[in-house]
Amino acid sequence: MGLTEYYVNIFVSLVLLAFLGLILRLYHELVVKPMKLRARLLKQGIKGPPPSLLIGKIREIKKL
């Protein structure tokens, strides 16, 4: 049983590590990247309303 528990612990650790990696990647894609892009645009003098997290400004674009 000792060896089996060892493999289960390794598997659980790898699954948790993969989940943490997924969470960090989603955070980077949904939060950090847009913030960096917005900062670059503001440096160039381009302003606009702040984006919403998931749908962005789709409603405003449809009104145009």
Protein backbone atom coordinates (compact mmCIF):
# COMPACT_ATOMS: atom_id res chain seq x y z
CA MET A 1 0.00 0.00 0.00
CA GLY A 2 2.90 2.39 0.55
CA LEU A 3 3.86 2.55 -3.12
CA THR A 4 0.25 3.03 -4.26
CA GLU A 5 -0.25 5.92 -1.83
CA TYR A 6 2.95 7.48 -3.14
CA TYR A 7 1.66 7.39 -6.74
CA VAL A 8 -1.72 8.76 -5.68
CA ASN A 9 -0.01 11.65 -3.88
CA ILE A 10 2.08 12.41 -6.95
CA PHE A 11 -1.01 12.30 -9.18
CA VAL A 12 -3.00 14.60 -6.90
CA SER A 13 -0.07 17.00 -6.71
CA LEU A 14 0.21 17.11 -10.50
CA VAL A 15 -3.53 17.71 -10.89
CA LEU A 16 -3.42 20.56 -8.37
CA LEU A 17 -0.37 22.04 -10.08
CA ALA A 18 -2.12 21.89 -13.47
CA PHE A 19 -5.23 23.52 -11.98
CA LEU A 20 -3.12 26.30 -10.45
CA GLY A 21 -1.42 26.81 -13.81
CA LEU A 22 -4.80 27.07 -15.52
CA ILE A 23 -6.01 29.64 -12.98
CA LEU A 24 -2.85 31.72 -13.42
CA ARG A 25 -3.12 31.57 -17.19
CA LEU A 26 -6.77 32.66 -17.13
CA TYR A 27 -5.88 35.51 -14.77
CA HIS A 28 -3.13 36.62 -17.11
CA GLU A 29 -5.36 36.46 -20.21
CA LEU A 30 -8.45 38.05 -18.65
CA VAL A 31 -6.89 40.63 -16.31
CA VAL A 32 -3.20 41.34 -16.83
CA LYS A 33 -3.13 41.45 -20.63
CA PRO A 34 -6.06 43.88 -20.96
CA MET A 35 -4.58 46.10 -18.24
CA LYS A 36 -1.25 46.28 -20.09
CA LEU A 37 -2.99 47.04 -23.37
CA ARG A 38 -5.11 49.74 -21.75
CA ALA A 39 -2.01 51.32 -20.21
CA ARG A 40 -0.29 51.40 -23.63
CA LEU A 41 -3.34 53.00 -25.22
CA LEU A 42 -3.58 55.61 -22.44
CA LYS A 43 0.10 56.48 -23.00
CA GLN A 44 -0.77 57.27 -26.60
CA GLY A 45 -3.72 59.41 -25.52
CA ILE A 46 -6.42 56.96 -26.52
CA LYS A 47 -9.14 56.90 -23.90
CA GLY A 48 -12.37 55.01 -23.63
CA PRO A 49 -14.77 53.41 -21.22
CA PRO A 50 -13.38 50.64 -19.03
CA PRO A 51 -14.08 47.18 -20.45
CA SER A 52 -16.26 44.62 -18.70
CA LEU A 53 -14.68 41.31 -17.84
CA LEU A 54 -16.35 38.75 -20.08
CA ILE A 55 -18.48 40.46 -22.70
CA GLY A 56 -16.37 43.57 -23.19
CA LYS A 57 -18.21 46.32 -25.00
CA ILE A 58 -20.32 44.15 -27.29
CA ARG A 59 -23.52 45.96 -26.36
CA GLU A 60 -22.03 49.36 -27.23
CA ILE A 61 -20.65 48.04 -30.51
CA LYS A 62 -24.08 46.65 -31.46
CA LYS A 63 -25.61 50.09 -30.89
CA LEU A 64 -23.29 51.56 -33.53
